[in-house]
Every structure is written in C-alpha cells, then in structure tokens.
PDB file of N, CA and C in Angstrom:
ATOM      1  N   MET A   1      -4.969  48.735  -0.367  1.00  0.00           N
ATOM      2  CA  MET A   1      -5.045  47.317   0.345  1.00  0.00           C
ATOM      3  C   MET A   1      -6.108  46.315  -0.072  1.00  0.00           C
ATOM      4  N   LYS A   2      -6.609  46.819  -1.044  1.00  0.00           N
ATOM      5  CA  LYS A   2      -7.657  45.620  -1.331  1.00  0.00           C
ATOM      6  C   LYS A   2      -7.335  44.295  -1.555  1.00  0.00           C
ATOM      7  N   GLY A   3      -6.318  44.442  -2.368  1.00  0.00           N
ATOM      8  CA  GLY A   3      -5.457  43.154  -3.165  1.00  0.00           C
ATOM      9  C   GLY A   3      -5.036  42.264  -1.796  1.00  0.00           C
ATOM     10  N   GLY A   4      -4.435  42.972  -0.650  1.00  0.00           N
ATOM     11  CA  GLY A   4      -4.024  42.471   0.548  1.00  0.00           C
ATOM     12  C   GLY A   4      -5.279  41.410   1.232  1.00  0.00           C
ATOM     13  N   SER A   5      -6.213  41.892   1.267  1.00  0.00           N
ATOM     14  CA  SER A   5      -7.321  41.126   2.181  1.00  0.00           C
ATOM     15  C   SER A   5      -7.884  40.192   1.109  1.00  0.00           C
ATOM     16  N   LYS A   6      -8.082  40.295  -0.338  1.00  0.00           N
ATOM     17  CA  LYS A   6      -8.304  39.236  -1.160  1.00  0.00           C
ATOM     18  C   LYS A   6      -7.185  37.949  -1.047  1.00  0.00           C
ATOM     19  N   MET A   7      -6.092  38.593  -1.156  1.00  0.00           N
ATOM     20  CA  MET A   7      -5.060  37.339  -1.208  1.00  0.00           C
ATOM     21  C   MET A   7      -5.094  36.668  -0.004  1.00  0.00           C
ATOM     22  N   LYS A   8      -5.158  37.258   1.385  1.00  0.00           N
ATOM     23  CA  LYS A   8      -5.350  36.471   2.558  1.00  0.00           C
ATOM     24  C   LYS A   8      -6.584  35.543   2.701  1.00  0.00           C
ATOM     25  N   GLY A   9      -7.819  36.143   1.898  1.00  0.00           N
ATOM     26  CA  GLY A   9      -9.104  35.159   1.902  1.00  0.00           C
ATOM     27  C   GLY A   9      -8.496  33.979   0.773  1.00  0.00           C
ATOM     28  N   ASN A  10      -7.828  34.148  -0.087  1.00  0.00           N
ATOM     29  CA  ASN A  10      -7.411  32.924  -0.866  1.00  0.00           C
ATOM     30  C   ASN A  10      -6.458  32.043  -0.248  1.00  0.00           C
ATOM     31  N   MET A  11      -5.574  32.676   0.591  1.00  0.00           N
ATOM     32  CA  MET A  11      -4.708  31.894   1.234  1.00  0.00           C
ATOM     33  C   MET A  11      -5.765  30.810   2.304  1.00  0.00           C
ATOM     34  N   ASN A  12      -6.540  31.471   2.914  1.00  0.00           N
ATOM     35  CA  ASN A  12      -7.292  30.773   4.007  1.00  0.00           C
ATOM     36  C   ASN A  12      -8.131  29.691   3.312  1.00  0.00           C
ATOM     37  N   ASN A  13      -8.710  29.988   1.984  1.00  0.00           N
ATOM     38  CA  ASN A  13      -9.382  28.995   1.603  1.00  0.00           C
ATOM     39  C   ASN A  13      -8.262  27.809   1.024  1.00  0.00           C
ATOM     40  N   MET A  14      -7.226  28.252   0.522  1.00  0.00           N
ATOM     41  CA  MET A  14      -6.307  27.029   0.277  1.00  0.00           C
ATOM     42  C   MET A  14      -5.904  26.386   1.577  1.00  0.00           C
ATOM     43  N   MET A  15      -5.799  26.937   2.763  1.00  0.00           N
ATOM     44  CA  MET A  15      -5.284  26.202   3.787  1.00  0.00           C
ATOM     45  C   MET A  15      -6.377  25.150   4.122  1.00  0.00           C
ATOM     46  N   LYS A  16      -7.483  25.726   4.181  1.00  0.00           N
ATOM     47  CA  LYS A  16      -8.709  24.971   4.383  1.00  0.00           C
ATOM     48  C   LYS A  16      -8.953  23.476   3.550  1.00  0.00           C
ATOM     49  N   GLN A  17      -8.704  23.801   2.221  1.00  0.00           N
ATOM     50  CA  GLN A  17      -8.674  22.787   1.153  1.00  0.00           C
ATOM     51  C   GLN A  17      -7.533  21.578   1.393  1.00  0.00           C
ATOM     52  N   MET A  18      -6.290  22.382   2.064  1.00  0.00           N
ATOM     53  CA  MET A  18      -5.285  21.397   2.212  1.00  0.00           C
ATOM     54  C   MET A  18      -5.616  20.661   3.533  1.00  0.00           C
ATOM     55  N   GLN A  19      -6.019  21.105   4.461  1.00  0.00           N
ATOM     56  CA  GLN A  19      -6.429  20.558   5.628  1.00  0.00           C
ATOM     57  C   GLN A  19      -7.586  19.486   5.584  1.00  0.00           C
ATOM     58  N   LYS A  20      -8.572  19.624   4.480  1.00  0.00           N
ATOM     59  CA  LYS A  20      -9.626  18.809   4.248  1.00  0.00           C
ATOM     60  C   LYS A  20      -8.540  17.714   3.571  1.00  0.00           C
ATOM     61  N   MET A  21      -7.859  17.811   2.669  1.00  0.00           N
ATOM     62  CA  MET A  21      -7.351  17.059   1.823  1.00  0.00           C
ATOM     63  C   MET A  21      -6.188  16.013   2.680  1.00  0.00           C
ATOM     64  N   GLN A  22      -5.781  16.763   3.842  1.00  0.00           N
ATOM     65  CA  GLN A  22      -4.836  16.048   4.424  1.00  0.00           C
ATOM     66  C   GLN A  22      -5.474  14.893   5.558  1.00  0.00           C
ATOM     67  N   LYS A  23      -6.814  15.326   6.030  1.00  0.00           N
ATOM     68  CA  LYS A  23      -7.991  14.599   6.832  1.00  0.00           C
ATOM     69  C   LYS A  23      -8.212  13.243   5.716  1.00  0.00           C
ATOM     70  N   GLN A  24      -8.567  13.402   4.415  1.00  0.00           N
ATOM     71  CA  GLN A  24      -8.842  12.321   3.543  1.00  0.00           C
ATOM     72  C   GLN A  24      -7.714  11.400   3.217  1.00  0.00           C
ATOM     73  N   MET A  25      -6.492  12.154   3.317  1.00  0.00           N
ATOM     74  CA  MET A  25      -5.407  11.009   3.191  1.00  0.00           C
ATOM     75  C   MET A  25      -5.462  10.475   4.432  1.00  0.00           C
ATOM     76  N   MET A  26      -5.459  10.981   5.487  1.00  0.00           N
ATOM     77  CA  MET A  26      -5.124  10.071   6.775  1.00  0.00           C
ATOM     78  C   MET A  26      -6.363   8.757   6.827  1.00  0.00           C
ATOM     79  N   LYS A  27      -7.511   9.259   6.408  1.00  0.00           N
ATOM     80  CA  LYS A  27      -8.597   8.227   6.373  1.00  0.00           C
ATOM     81  C   LYS A  27      -8.104   7.114   5.522  1.00  0.00           C
ATOM     82  N   ALA A  28      -7.876   7.524   4.310  1.00  0.00           N
ATOM     83  CA  ALA A  28      -7.502   6.334   3.223  1.00  0.00           C
ATOM     84  C   ALA A  28      -6.419   5.677   3.628  1.00  0.00           C
ATOM     85  N   GLN A  29      -5.255   6.233   4.479  1.00  0.00           N
ATOM     86  CA  GLN A  29      -3.823   5.396   4.735  1.00  0.00           C
ATOM     87  C   GLN A  29      -4.601   4.476   5.998  1.00  0.00           C
ATOM     88  N   GLU A  30      -5.586   4.864   6.624  1.00  0.00           N
ATOM     89  CA  GLU A  30      -5.980   4.055   7.668  1.00  0.00           C
ATOM     90  C   GLU A  30      -6.721   2.899   7.261  1.00  0.00           C
ATOM     91  N   GLU A  31      -7.623   3.089   6.102  1.00  0.00           N
ATOM     92  CA  GLU A  31      -8.403   2.091   5.534  1.00  0.00           C
ATOM     93  C   GLU A  31      -7.656   0.887   4.846  1.00  0.00           C
ATOM     94  N   LEU A  32      -6.445   1.525   4.346  1.00  0.00           N
ATOM     95  CA  LEU A  32      -5.504   0.636   3.677  1.00  0.00           C
ATOM     96  C   LEU A  32      -5.235  -0.633   4.670  1.00  0.00           C
ATOM     97  N   LYS A  33      -5.291  -0.254   6.005  1.00  0.00           N
ATOM     98  CA  LYS A  33      -4.911  -1.406   7.011  1.00  0.00           C
ATOM     99  C   LYS A  33      -5.807  -2.672   6.763  1.00  0.00           C
ATOM    100  N   ASP A  34      -7.134  -2.170   6.447  1.00  0.00           N
ATOM    101  CA  ASP A  34      -8.092  -3.244   6.172  1.00  0.00           C
ATOM    102  C   ASP A  34      -7.965  -3.877   5.057  1.00  0.00           C
ATOM    103  N   LYS A  35      -7.156  -3.537   4.175  1.00  0.00           N
ATOM    104  CA  LYS A  35      -7.212  -4.116   2.481  1.00  0.00           C
ATOM    105  C   LYS A  35      -6.367  -5.434   2.713  1.00  0.00           C
ATOM    106  N   THR A  36      -6.458  -6.236   2.149  1.00  0.00           N
ATOM    107  CA  THR A  36      -5.433  -7.460   2.174  1.00  0.00           C
ATOM    108  C   THR A  36      -5.225  -8.242   0.735  1.00  0.00           C
ATOM    109  N   VAL A  37      -4.181  -8.536   0.246  1.00  0.00           N
ATOM    110  CA  VAL A  37      -4.044  -9.064  -0.971  1.00  0.00           C
ATOM    111  C   VAL A  37      -3.214 -10.490  -0.613  1.00  0.00           C
ATOM    112  N   ASP A  38      -3.324 -11.485  -1.265  1.00  0.00           N
ATOM    113  CA  ASP A  38      -2.616 -12.708  -1.370  1.00  0.00           C
ATOM    114  C   ASP A  38      -1.826 -12.909  -2.241  1.00  0.00           C
ATOM    115  N   GLY A  39      -0.483 -13.128  -1.924  1.00  0.00           N
ATOM    116  CA  GLY A  39       0.622 -13.240  -2.981  1.00  0.00           C
ATOM    117  C   GLY A  39       0.646 -14.889  -2.901  1.00  0.00           C
ATOM    118  N   THR A  40       1.041 -15.294  -4.092  1.00  0.00           N
ATOM    119  CA  THR A  40       1.032 -16.733  -4.148  1.00  0.00           C
ATOM    120  C   THR A  40       2.351 -17.141  -5.314  1.00  0.00           C
ATOM    121  N   ALA A  41       2.949 -18.530  -4.848  1.00  0.00           N
ATOM    122  CA  ALA A  41       4.171 -18.934  -5.832  1.00  0.00           C
ATOM    123  C   ALA A  41       3.836 -20.459  -5.919  1.00  0.00           C
ATOM    124  N   GLY A  42       4.361 -21.071  -6.779  1.00  0.00           N
ATOM    125  CA  GLY A  42       4.428 -22.480  -6.947  1.00  0.00           C
ATOM    126  C   GLY A  42       2.870 -22.937  -7.467  1.00  0.00           C
ATOM    127  N   GLY A  43       2.291 -22.381  -7.989  1.00  0.00           N
ATOM    128  CA  GLY A  43       0.834 -22.876  -8.381  1.00  0.00           C
ATOM    129  C   GLY A  43       0.097 -22.549  -7.086  1.00  0.00           C
ATOM    130  N   GLY A  44       0.173 -21.813  -6.076  1.00  0.00           N
ATOM    131  CA  GLY A  44      -0.492 -21.777  -5.209  1.00  0.00           C
ATOM    132  C   GLY A  44      -0.297 -22.828  -3.869  1.00  0.00           C
ATOM    133  N   MET A  45       1.109 -23.144  -3.949  1.00  0.00           N
ATOM    134  CA  MET A  45       1.543 -24.042  -3.064  1.00  0.00           C
ATOM    135  C   MET A  45       1.982 -23.409  -1.612  1.00  0.00           C
ATOM    136  N   VAL A  46       2.239 -21.997  -2.084  1.00  0.00           N
ATOM    137  CA  VAL A  46       2.609 -21.093  -0.967  1.00  0.00           C
ATOM    138  C   VAL A  46       1.782 -19.799  -0.806  1.00  0.00           C
ATOM    139  N   THR A  47       1.027 -19.506   0.017  1.00  0.00           N
ATOM    140  CA  THR A  47       0.338 -18.178  -0.119  1.00  0.00           C
ATOM    141  C   THR A  47       0.547 -17.358   1.067  1.00  0.00           C
ATOM    142  N   VAL A  48       0.954 -15.785   0.834  1.00  0.00           N
ATOM    143  CA  VAL A  48       1.297 -14.887   1.868  1.00  0.00           C
ATOM    144  C   VAL A  48       0.463 -13.840   1.720  1.00  0.00           C
ATOM    145  N   THR A  49      -0.497 -13.595   2.964  1.00  0.00           N
ATOM    146  CA  THR A  49      -1.412 -12.412   2.902  1.00  0.00           C
ATOM    147  C   THR A  49      -0.833 -11.408   3.519  1.00  0.00           C
ATOM    148  N   ALA A  50      -1.129 -10.004   2.926  1.00  0.00           N
ATOM    149  CA  ALA A  50      -0.507  -8.951   3.473  1.00  0.00           C
ATOM    150  C   ALA A  50      -1.517  -7.815   3.559  1.00  0.00           C
ATOM    151  N   ASN A  51      -1.492  -6.777   4.117  1.00  0.00           N
ATOM    152  CA  ASN A  51      -2.376  -5.602   4.260  1.00  0.00           C
ATOM    153  C   ASN A  51      -1.766  -4.293   3.891  1.00  0.00           C
ATOM    154  N   GLY A  52      -2.378  -3.560   3.500  1.00  0.00           N
ATOM    155  CA  GLY A  52      -2.162  -2.245   3.132  1.00  0.00           C
ATOM    156  C   GLY A  52      -1.036  -1.435   3.640  1.00  0.00           C
ATOM    157  N   HIS A  53      -0.522  -2.032   4.794  1.00  0.00           N
ATOM    158  CA  HIS A  53       0.266  -1.449   5.758  1.00  0.00           C
ATOM    159  C   HIS A  53       1.668  -2.077   5.344  1.00  0.00           C
ATOM    160  N   LYS A  54       1.521  -2.887   4.682  1.00  0.00           N
ATOM    161  CA  LYS A  54       2.749  -4.025   4.175  1.00  0.00           C
ATOM    162  C   LYS A  54       2.996  -4.762   5.540  1.00  0.00           C
ATOM    163  N   GLU A  55       2.296  -5.154   6.353  1.00  0.00           N
ATOM    164  CA  GLU A  55       2.429  -6.167   7.340  1.00  0.00           C
ATOM    165  C   GLU A  55       1.773  -7.467   6.770  1.00  0.00           C
ATOM    166  N   ILE A  56       2.666  -8.798   7.035  1.00  0.00           N
ATOM    167  CA  ILE A  56       2.422  -9.826   6.615  1.00  0.00           C
ATOM    168  C   ILE A  56       1.337 -10.278   7.626  1.00  0.00           C
ATOM    169  N   LEU A  57       0.164 -11.147   7.089  1.00  0.00           N
ATOM    170  CA  LEU A  57      -0.807 -11.219   8.072  1.00  0.00           C
ATOM    171  C   LEU A  57      -0.862 -12.726   8.102  1.00  0.00           C
ATOM    172  N   ASP A  58      -0.554 -13.570   7.004  1.00  0.00           N
ATOM    173  CA  ASP A  58      -0.343 -15.032   7.216  1.00  0.00           C
ATOM    174  C   ASP A  58       0.138 -15.715   6.343  1.00  0.00           C
ATOM    175  N   VAL A  59       0.810 -16.793   6.230  1.00  0.00           N
ATOM    176  CA  VAL A  59       1.540 -17.749   5.453  1.00  0.00           C
ATOM    177  C   VAL A  59       1.023 -19.286   5.512  1.00  0.00           C
ATOM    178  N   VAL A  60       0.700 -19.432   4.382  1.00  0.00           N
ATOM    179  CA  VAL A  60       0.085 -20.683   4.296  1.00  0.00           C
ATOM    180  C   VAL A  60       0.870 -21.392   3.194  1.00  0.00           C
ATOM    181  N   ILE A  61       1.183 -22.771   3.708  1.00  0.00           N
ATOM    182  CA  ILE A  61       2.264 -23.944   3.024  1.00  0.00           C
ATOM    183  C   ILE A  61       1.662 -25.036   2.987  1.00  0.00           C
ATOM    184  N   LYS A  62       1.235 -25.334   1.603  1.00  0.00           N
ATOM    185  CA  LYS A  62       0.484 -26.672   1.508  1.00  0.00           C
ATOM    186  C   LYS A  62       1.700 -27.756   1.672  1.00  0.00           C
ATOM    187  N   GLU A  63       1.211 -28.663   2.166  1.00  0.00           N
ATOM    188  CA  GLU A  63       2.005 -30.180   2.798  1.00  0.00           C
ATOM    189  C   GLU A  63       3.057 -30.540   1.433  1.00  0.00           C
ATOM    190  N   GLU A  64       2.488 -30.497   0.278  1.00  0.00           N
ATOM    191  CA  GLU A  64       3.092 -31.018  -0.728  1.00  0.00           C
ATOM    192  C   GLU A  64       4.260 -30.268  -1.019  1.00  0.00           C
ATOM    193  N   ALA A  65       4.473 -29.149  -0.397  1.00  0.00           N
ATOM    194  CA  ALA A  65       5.513 -27.854  -0.671  1.00  0.00           C
ATOM    195  C   ALA A  65       6.538 -28.286   0.162  1.00  0.00           C
ATOM    196  N   VAL A  66       6.379 -29.050   1.061  1.00  0.00           N
ATOM    197  CA  VAL A  66       7.517 -29.109   2.226  1.00  0.00           C
ATOM    198  C   VAL A  66       8.053 -30.539   1.985  1.00  0.00           C
ATOM    199  N   ASP A  67       9.321 -30.413   1.622  1.00  0.00           N
ATOM    200  CA  ASP A  67      10.314 -31.486   1.275  1.00  0.00           C
ATOM    201  C   ASP A  67      11.479 -31.102   1.949  1.00  0.00           C
ATOM    202  N   PRO A  68      11.892 -31.965   3.285  1.00  0.00           N
ATOM    203  CA  PRO A  68      13.207 -31.561   3.976  1.00  0.00           C
ATOM    204  C   PRO A  68      14.290 -31.833   3.233  1.00  0.00           C
ATOM    205  N   ASP A  69      14.155 -32.688   2.049  1.00  0.00           N
ATOM    206  CA  ASP A  69      15.566 -32.713   1.272  1.00  0.00           C
ATOM    207  C   ASP A  69      15.633 -31.499   0.563  1.00  0.00           C
ATOM    208  N   ASP A  70      14.614 -30.553   0.161  1.00  0.00           N
ATOM    209  CA  ASP A  70      14.917 -29.267  -0.562  1.00  0.00           C
ATOM    210  C   ASP A  70      14.240 -28.005   0.304  1.00  0.00           C
ATOM    211  N   VAL A  71      14.996 -27.802   1.229  1.00  0.00           N
ATOM    212  CA  VAL A  71      14.555 -26.756   1.983  1.00  0.00           C
ATOM    213  C   VAL A  71      14.718 -25.381   1.019  1.00  0.00           C
ATOM    214  N   GLU A  72      15.769 -25.388   0.227  1.00  0.00           N
ATOM    215  CA  GLU A  72      15.948 -23.971  -0.241  1.00  0.00           C
ATOM    216  C   GLU A  72      14.815 -23.894  -1.206  1.00  0.00           C
ATOM    217  N   MET A  73      14.105 -24.748  -1.786  1.00  0.00           N
ATOM    218  CA  MET A  73      12.874 -24.511  -2.902  1.00  0.00           C
ATOM    219  C   MET A  73      11.746 -23.893  -2.139  1.00  0.00           C
ATOM    220  N   LEU A  74      11.503 -24.543  -0.852  1.00  0.00           N
ATOM    221  CA  LEU A  74      10.493 -23.687   0.094  1.00  0.00           C
ATOM    222  C   LEU A  74      10.648 -22.359   0.330  1.00  0.00           C
ATOM    223  N   GLN A  75      12.126 -22.071   0.784  1.00  0.00           N
ATOM    224  CA  GLN A  75      12.276 -20.833   0.988  1.00  0.00           C
ATOM    225  C   GLN A  75      12.218 -19.871  -0.052  1.00  0.00           C
ATOM    226  N   ASP A  76      12.388 -20.439  -1.476  1.00  0.00           N
ATOM    227  CA  ASP A  76      12.342 -19.451  -2.609  1.00  0.00           C
ATOM    228  C   ASP A  76      10.805 -19.292  -3.105  1.00  0.00           C
ATOM    229  N   LEU A  77      10.110 -20.405  -2.821  1.00  0.00           N
ATOM    230  CA  LEU A  77       8.508 -20.199  -2.758  1.00  0.00           C
ATOM    231  C   LEU A  77       7.972 -18.924  -1.900  1.00  0.00           C
ATOM    232  N   ILE A  78       8.362 -19.152  -0.489  1.00  0.00           N
ATOM    233  CA  ILE A  78       7.922 -18.173   0.390  1.00  0.00           C
ATOM    234  C   ILE A  78       8.308 -17.011  -0.014  1.00  0.00           C
ATOM    235  N   LEU A  79       9.463 -16.329  -0.692  1.00  0.00           N
ATOM    236  CA  LEU A  79      10.286 -15.341  -0.862  1.00  0.00           C
ATOM    237  C   LEU A  79       9.192 -14.867  -2.031  1.00  0.00           C
ATOM    238  N   ALA A  80       8.888 -15.855  -3.181  1.00  0.00           N
ATOM    239  CA  ALA A  80       8.496 -15.269  -4.289  1.00  0.00           C
ATOM    240  C   ALA A  80       6.921 -14.837  -3.799  1.00  0.00           C
ATOM    241  N   ALA A  81       6.317 -15.713  -3.055  1.00  0.00           N
ATOM    242  CA  ALA A  81       4.994 -15.449  -2.566  1.00  0.00           C
ATOM    243  C   ALA A  81       4.930 -14.189  -2.073  1.00  0.00           C
ATOM    244  N   THR A  82       6.031 -13.734  -0.936  1.00  0.00           N
ATOM    245  CA  THR A  82       6.121 -12.616  -0.347  1.00  0.00           C
ATOM    246  C   THR A  82       6.067 -11.246  -1.415  1.00  0.00           C
ATOM    247  N   ASN A  83       6.987 -11.459  -2.238  1.00  0.00           N
ATOM    248  CA  ASN A  83       7.323 -10.356  -3.103  1.00  0.00           C
ATOM    249  C   ASN A  83       6.068 -10.102  -3.926  1.00  0.00           C
ATOM    250  N   ASP A  84       5.419 -11.220  -4.349  1.00  0.00           N
ATOM    251  CA  ASP A  84       4.041 -10.844  -5.146  1.00  0.00           C
ATOM    252  C   ASP A  84       3.017 -10.214  -4.293  1.00  0.00           C
ATOM    253  N   ALA A  85       2.991 -10.630  -2.927  1.00  0.00           N
ATOM    254  CA  ALA A  85       2.138  -9.829  -2.157  1.00  0.00           C
ATOM    255  C   ALA A  85       2.258  -8.306  -1.858  1.00  0.00           C
ATOM    256  N   LEU A  86       3.637  -8.068  -1.834  1.00  0.00           N
ATOM    257  CA  LEU A  86       4.236  -6.947  -1.550  1.00  0.00           C
ATOM    258  C   LEU A  86       3.781  -6.052  -3.069  1.00  0.00           C
ATOM    259  N   LYS A  87       4.024  -6.604  -3.857  1.00  0.00           N
ATOM    260  CA  LYS A  87       4.042  -5.948  -5.226  1.00  0.00           C
ATOM    261  C   LYS A  87       2.302  -5.580  -5.486  1.00  0.00           C
ATOM    262  N   LYS A  88       1.377  -6.396  -5.343  1.00  0.00           N
ATOM    263  CA  LYS A  88       0.057  -6.484  -5.408  1.00  0.00           C
ATOM    264  C   LYS A  88      -0.307  -5.256  -4.240  1.00  0.00           C
ATOM    265  N   ILE A  89       0.083  -5.185  -3.156  1.00  0.00           N
ATOM    266  CA  ILE A  89      -0.234  -4.168  -2.149  1.00  0.00           C
ATOM    267  C   ILE A  89       0.053  -2.838  -2.506  1.00  0.00           C
ATOM    268  N   ASP A  90       1.296  -2.651  -3.176  1.00  0.00           N
ATOM    269  CA  ASP A  90       2.005  -1.239  -3.810  1.00  0.00           C
ATOM    270  C   ASP A  90       0.900  -0.994  -4.808  1.00  0.00           C
ATOM    271  N   GLU A  91       0.438  -1.717  -5.509  1.00  0.00           N
ATOM    272  CA  GLU A  91      -0.708  -1.246  -6.436  1.00  0.00           C
ATOM    273  C   GLU A  91      -1.871  -0.722  -6.045  1.00  0.00           C
ATOM    274  N   VAL A  92      -2.282  -1.447  -4.669  1.00  0.00           N
ATOM    275  CA  VAL A  92      -3.590  -0.952  -4.043  1.00  0.00           C
ATOM    276  C   VAL A  92      -3.241   0.195  -3.424  1.00  0.00           C
ATOM    277  N   VAL A  93      -2.189   0.330  -2.978  1.00  0.00           N
ATOM    278  CA  VAL A  93      -1.805   1.649  -2.299  1.00  0.00           C
ATOM    279  C   VAL A  93      -1.616   2.897  -3.488  1.00  0.00           C
ATOM    280  N   ASN A  94      -0.981   2.478  -4.314  1.00  0.00           N
ATOM    281  CA  ASN A  94      -0.698   3.629  -5.471  1.00  0.00           C
ATOM    282  C   ASN A  94      -2.056   4.059  -5.998  1.00  0.00           C
ATOM    283  N   LYS A  95      -3.064   3.092  -6.124  1.00  0.00           N
ATOM    284  CA  LYS A  95      -4.421   3.260  -6.589  1.00  0.00           C
ATOM    285  C   LYS A  95      -5.136   4.285  -5.589  1.00  0.00           C
ATOM    286  N   ASP A  96      -5.211   3.768  -4.512  1.00  0.00           N
ATOM    287  CA  ASP A  96      -5.644   4.542  -3.313  1.00  0.00           C
ATOM    288  C   ASP A  96      -5.141   5.858  -2.975  1.00  0.00           C
ATOM    289  N   MET A  97      -3.917   5.730  -2.916  1.00  0.00           N
ATOM    290  CA  MET A  97      -3.329   7.157  -2.521  1.00  0.00           C
ATOM    291  C   MET A  97      -3.061   8.002  -3.614  1.00  0.00           C
ATOM    292  N   GLY A  98      -3.094   7.495  -4.893  1.00  0.00           N
ATOM    293  CA  GLY A  98      -2.461   8.246  -6.071  1.00  0.00           C
ATOM    294  C   GLY A  98      -3.376   9.535  -6.314  1.00  0.00           C
ATOM    295  N   GLN A  99      -4.762   9.020  -6.057  1.00  0.00           N
ATOM    296  CA  GLN A  99      -5.664  10.259  -6.203  1.00  0.00           C
ATOM    297  C   GLN A  99      -5.386  11.511  -5.563  1.00  0.00           C
ATOM    298  N   PHE A 100      -4.373  11.591  -4.330  1.00  0.00           N
ATOM    299  CA  PHE A 100      -4.056  12.571  -3.587  1.00  0.00           C
ATOM    300  C   PHE A 100      -2.834  13.413  -4.193  1.00  0.00           C
ATOM    301  N   THR A 101      -2.144  12.301  -5.045  1.00  0.00           N
ATOM    302  CA  THR A 101      -0.834  13.043  -5.243  1.00  0.00           C
ATOM    303  C   THR A 101      -0.823  13.322  -6.897  1.00  0.00           C
ATOM    304  N   LYS A 102      -1.788  12.945  -7.301  1.00  0.00           N
ATOM    305  CA  LYS A 102      -1.914  13.426  -8.853  1.00  0.00           C
ATOM    306  C   LYS A 102      -1.339  14.497  -9.433  1.00  0.00           C
ATOM    307  N   GLY A 103      -0.685  14.544 -10.188  1.00  0.00           N
ATOM    308  CA  GLY A 103      -0.048  16.048 -10.803  1.00  0.00           C
ATOM    309  C   GLY A 103       0.800  16.592 -10.024  1.00  0.00           C
ATOM    310  N   MET A 104       1.210  15.784  -8.612  1.00  0.00           N
ATOM    311  CA  MET A 104       2.345  16.663  -7.869  1.00  0.00           C
ATOM    312  C   MET A 104       3.508  15.350  -8.011  1.00  0.00           C
ATOM    313  N   ASN A 105       4.916  16.027  -8.148  1.00  0.00           N
ATOM    314  CA  ASN A 105       5.950  15.020  -8.439  1.00  0.00           C
ATOM    315  C   ASN A 105       6.437  14.900  -6.728  1.00  0.00           C
ATOM    316  N   LEU A 106       6.011  13.673  -6.215  1.00  0.00           N
ATOM    317  CA  LEU A 106       6.458  13.445  -4.860  1.00  0.00           C
ATOM    318  C   LEU A 106       6.909  11.927  -4.702  1.00  0.00           C
ATOM    319  N   PRO A 107       7.980  11.782  -5.293  1.00  0.00           N
ATOM    320  CA  PRO A 107       8.624  10.570  -5.545  1.00  0.00           C
ATOM    321  C   PRO A 107       8.730   9.779  -3.896  1.00  0.00           C
ATOM    322  N   GLY A 108       8.258   8.682  -3.811  1.00  0.00           N
ATOM    323  CA  GLY A 108       8.492   7.859  -2.478  1.00  0.00           C
ATOM    324  C   GLY A 108       7.640   8.384  -1.254  1.00  0.00           C
ATOM    325  N   MET A 109       6.666   8.997  -1.819  1.00  0.00           N
ATOM    326  CA  MET A 109       5.980   9.882  -0.546  1.00  0.00           C
ATOM    327  C   MET A 109       5.029   8.688   0.099  1.00  0.00           C
ATOM    328  N   PHE A 110       4.869   7.410  -0.685  1.00  0.00           N
ATOM    329  CA  PHE A 110       3.848   6.324   0.177  1.00  0.00           C
ATOM    330  C   PHE A 110       4.473   4.993  -0.393  1.00  0.00           C
TER     331      PHE A 110
END
C-alpha cells in the first residue's frame, strides 16, 4: 500500500496548489474593481469610464455633442463609447485573469 500513501500525498499537494491559485484568482478579481478604462466616441465628444467589474463609473459629454435636433446622434455616441469601454475592460480582464486559465478550456468563465 505504498502507492496509496504517495497518491494521497500528491492529492494533498494538488489541493493546496488549487487553493493557493483560487486565492490568487479572488485577489486578482478584486483588484479589477480598481482598474478603470475610458471608452470614447466622436473624437472624444463622449467618454465613458468603466471598471474591471464592468460597472460604468462616469459619462462625460462635451457641450458640442449636445444638439436637441439630433438626439439620435448623441445616443449613438454614448452607445459607441460604452461599447468601447466594455471592449477595453474585457481586454484588461482577459490579460489579468488569463494567467489562471492558460491551457484550460473554460469558455465564458470571466
């Protein structure tokens, strides 16, 4: 039964490594909340700021972007800036969290 005790030791080591990795992942996810990106549209007429938890923190609209006769354009700019911010934050999340899932096939985990 030597093999059984060695196997148990290997499992214990593997569990410890997984717990350590889980703590590192939780820390990295928490740190994402403090990371922000700006998405822009219309040459900077609209800027949307989002954090790593995909929360929209701020929307800045320059006066020249506001035209009461063309509200649709402003809506499009806000939408484009928001999508730009979310795309950039996805890149940050993939970069930060990708280190934990490298080599694993876990689609949609983050």
